[in-house]
Structure formats: C-alpha cells, structure tokens
Protein backbone atom coordinates (compact mmCIF):
# COMPACT_ATOMS: atom_id res chain seq x y z
CA UNK A 1 17.59 24.88 54.16
CA UNK A 2 17.86 28.62 53.93
CA UNK A 3 15.77 30.94 56.12
CA UNK A 4 14.70 34.43 55.12
CA UNK A 5 12.91 37.40 56.66
CA UNK A 6 11.10 39.29 53.93
CA UNK A 7 9.64 42.76 54.52
CA UNK A 8 7.59 44.96 52.20
CA UNK A 9 6.07 48.42 52.52
CA UNK A 10 2.90 48.76 50.48
CA UNK A 11 1.29 52.11 49.71
CA UNK A 12 -1.83 53.06 51.65
CA UNK A 13 -2.97 55.19 48.71
CA UNK A 14 -4.21 52.18 46.76
CA UNK A 15 -7.74 50.80 46.95
CA UNK A 16 -8.69 47.59 48.77
CA UNK A 17 -8.83 45.54 45.54
CA UNK A 18 -5.28 46.43 44.50
CA UNK A 19 -4.07 45.79 48.05
CA UNK A 20 -5.60 42.31 48.01
CA UNK A 21 -4.08 41.65 44.58
CA UNK A 22 -0.62 42.72 45.79
CA UNK A 23 -0.84 40.51 48.88
CA UNK A 24 -2.14 37.52 46.92
CA UNK A 25 0.67 38.02 44.37
CA UNK A 26 3.25 37.92 47.18
CA UNK A 27 1.58 34.92 48.80
CA UNK A 28 1.64 33.03 45.50
CA UNK A 29 5.31 33.84 44.94
CA UNK A 30 6.28 32.52 48.38
CA UNK A 31 3.66 29.71 48.56
CA UNK A 32 2.10 31.09 51.75
CA UNK A 33 -1.55 30.98 52.80
CA UNK A 34 -3.29 34.13 54.02
CA UNK A 35 -3.79 32.69 57.52
CA UNK A 36 -0.20 31.50 57.96
CA UNK A 37 1.45 32.45 61.29
CA UNK A 38 4.66 33.38 59.42
CA UNK A 39 2.78 36.13 57.58
CA UNK A 40 2.00 39.49 59.24
CA UNK A 41 0.30 42.52 57.70
CA UNK A 42 -0.44 45.72 59.56
CA UNK A 43 -0.52 49.47 59.00
CA UNK A 44 2.40 51.53 60.31
CA UNK A 45 3.40 55.18 60.47
CA UNK A 46 6.71 55.78 58.70
CA UNK A 47 9.55 57.55 60.48
CA UNK A 48 10.09 59.71 57.41
CA UNK A 49 8.20 60.13 54.14
CA UNK A 50 8.99 57.59 51.43
CA UNK A 51 7.73 58.48 47.96
CA UNK A 52 5.50 61.11 49.61
CA UNK A 53 3.86 58.46 51.81
CA UNK A 54 3.74 58.92 55.60
CA UNK A 55 1.96 55.62 56.33
CA UNK A 56 2.22 52.20 54.74
CA UNK A 57 1.05 48.63 55.00
CA UNK A 58 3.87 46.56 56.49
CA UNK A 59 4.00 42.99 55.20
CA UNK A 60 6.42 40.66 56.97
CA UNK A 61 7.04 37.05 56.09
CA UNK A 62 9.35 34.40 57.48
CA UNK A 63 10.23 32.16 54.56
CA UNK A 64 12.05 28.83 54.24
CA UNK A 65 13.51 28.43 50.76
CA UNK A 66 12.68 25.11 49.10
CA UNK A 67 15.55 23.02 47.77
CA UNK A 68 14.37 23.40 44.16
CA UNK A 69 14.28 27.22 44.26
CA UNK A 70 16.18 28.92 41.44
CA UNK A 71 19.25 30.97 42.39
CA UNK A 72 17.78 34.05 40.67
CA UNK A 73 14.45 33.87 42.50
CA UNK A 74 14.96 36.94 44.68
CA UNK A 75 16.45 38.97 41.82
CA UNK A 76 13.32 38.26 39.77
CA UNK A 77 11.13 39.29 42.70
CA UNK A 78 13.07 42.56 43.08
CA UNK A 79 12.67 43.34 39.36
CA UNK A 80 8.92 42.73 39.51
CA UNK A 81 8.60 44.87 42.65
CA UNK A 82 10.24 47.82 40.89
CA UNK A 83 7.62 47.61 38.15
CA UNK A 84 4.65 47.45 40.55
CA UNK A 85 3.73 50.89 41.90
CA UNK A 86 2.02 49.52 45.05
CA UNK A 87 5.30 48.57 46.67
CA UNK A 88 7.25 51.39 48.29
CA UNK A 89 10.21 49.43 49.69
CA UNK A 90 11.34 45.86 50.19
CA UNK A 91 13.98 44.13 52.25
CA UNK A 92 15.02 40.50 52.04
CA UNK A 93 17.33 39.21 54.77
CA UNK A 94 18.99 35.81 54.69
CA UNK A 95 19.11 34.38 58.21
CA UNK A 96 21.46 31.85 59.76
CA UNK A 97 21.04 28.15 59.07
CA UNK A 98 18.35 27.73 61.70
CA UNK A 99 15.64 30.06 62.96
CA UNK A 100 15.97 31.75 66.33
CA UNK A 101 13.14 29.74 67.92
CA UNK A 102 14.98 26.46 67.34
CA UNK A 103 18.26 27.82 68.67
CA UNK A 104 16.60 29.04 71.86
CA UNK A 105 15.02 25.67 72.50
CA UNK A 106 18.42 23.99 72.27
CA UNK A 107 19.98 26.20 74.97
CA UNK A 108 21.26 24.24 77.98
CA UNK A 109 18.99 24.30 80.99
CA UNK A 110 20.44 25.14 84.38
CA UNK A 111 19.25 22.89 87.13
CA UNK A 112 19.33 23.80 90.79
CA UNK A 113 21.64 21.69 92.85
CA UNK A 114 20.83 20.82 96.42
CA UNK A 115 24.53 20.83 97.33
CA UNK A 116 25.00 24.53 96.60
CA UNK A 117 24.28 27.23 99.12
CA UNK A 118 21.00 28.84 98.10
CA UNK A 119 21.24 32.18 99.84
CA UNK A 120 18.84 34.97 98.98
CA UNK A 121 19.97 37.90 96.81
CA UNK A 122 19.72 40.22 99.85
CA UNK A 123 22.18 38.07 101.76
CA UNK A 124 24.62 38.07 98.86
CA UNK A 125 24.47 41.85 98.51
CA UNK A 126 25.10 42.43 102.18
CA UNK A 127 28.13 40.17 102.43
CA UNK A 128 31.46 42.06 102.72
CA UNK A 129 33.06 39.94 99.97
CA UNK A 130 30.56 41.04 97.34
CA UNK A 131 31.05 44.69 98.31
CA UNK A 132 34.78 44.38 97.69
CA UNK A 133 34.18 42.86 94.27
CA UNK A 134 31.60 45.49 93.32
CA UNK A 135 33.88 48.46 94.03
CA UNK A 136 36.97 48.81 91.84
CA UNK A 137 40.22 49.18 93.72
CA UNK A 138 42.09 52.48 93.88
CA UNK A 139 44.84 51.04 91.70
CA UNK A 140 42.46 50.10 88.91
CA UNK A 141 40.92 53.59 89.06
CA UNK A 142 44.37 55.15 88.65
CA UNK A 143 45.16 52.83 85.73
CA UNK A 144 41.92 53.80 83.99
CA UNK A 145 42.68 57.50 84.48
CA UNK A 146 46.17 57.04 83.03
CA UNK A 147 44.77 55.17 80.04
CA UNK A 148 42.21 57.91 79.43
CA UNK A 149 44.89 60.59 79.66
CA UNK A 150 47.03 58.71 77.14
CA UNK A 151 44.10 58.45 74.78
CA UNK A 152 43.38 62.16 75.14
CA UNK A 153 47.01 63.01 74.35
CA UNK A 154 46.99 60.80 71.26
CA UNK A 155 43.75 62.40 70.05
CA UNK A 156 45.21 65.89 70.50
CA UNK A 157 48.31 64.88 68.53
CA UNK A 158 46.21 63.49 65.70
CA UNK A 159 44.01 66.57 65.57
CA UNK A 160 47.05 68.88 65.52
CA UNK A 161 48.52 66.97 62.56
CA UNK A 162 45.40 67.59 60.49
C-alpha cells in the first residue's frame, strides 16, 4: 500500500455552493466521506498572497492508495485542478510504506528494572562524576579552537581566490 498526504488551498472568494462542490469533487476522487477523520478543512491566513488571496480554505487528506489505482491518477488530478479556478495550490506527498501512527506503536517499550539503581535526577546531577562528564576537558576545548582556526584560514583562502 502507498500512503499519501494531500493538501489543497481553496479560494475564500467563492460562494458556499461552489465551495461545497469543490470539496465533494475532491471527496469523490479520493473516495472519502465528509465526516472521515482523515479529512480536515479549515480556514487559514496565508503567509504571503497567492493569486491575490490572503486567506484560504485548507483541505488536508491522508489517503491510502488502492491497489487498482491507475499510475496516472495524480497527474489527472493535477490537470483538473489547474482548470478549476477554486483551487489556489495543491501538494501531494507520498509517504513511507507505513503511516507514522503505526511506526510509533511498534517502538520498543522500556521497562523499569528493579535491579538498577533508581536514583532521583537531583542526585545524579549533584554527583561529581556527572559534573566531569558535563564539562568538556581543557584539551578538547583547545582542539575545537584549533579546528575552528583551521576552518577560518581555509575560508579566507577560498575568499581570496575568488
């Protein structure tokens, strides 16, 4: 299965009837019901004007492609969107093989062991060993300074060549 995130910006300058027609057209193309949890529609303010619009309806859909979908499906959708004046922009993103929710649920769970020392975070911070690890040694500081100086010299040489 292939997973997609599909996003559309729809003009706010259209009337309610045309807006409903545009949304129902999209829903029919992607076989989604209007009350589906994968479908979100809300009004947003745009960061910059697009086609002289400063606000738009944002339509987001998480879509699982059926096995019998034609390879040119999204190209056909893009062509039809260019013809329709209601749609300002569109973005179709192909996701990984499985959605993020499923991957998160498969993450290994860490169990507390009774054998381990369960000291509080305050105790760990105050221990002298953790303080030594937190502060870099003087040698590592000198090495970093030398590396930065070498980088600066190389940059100066490159800039002089140009």
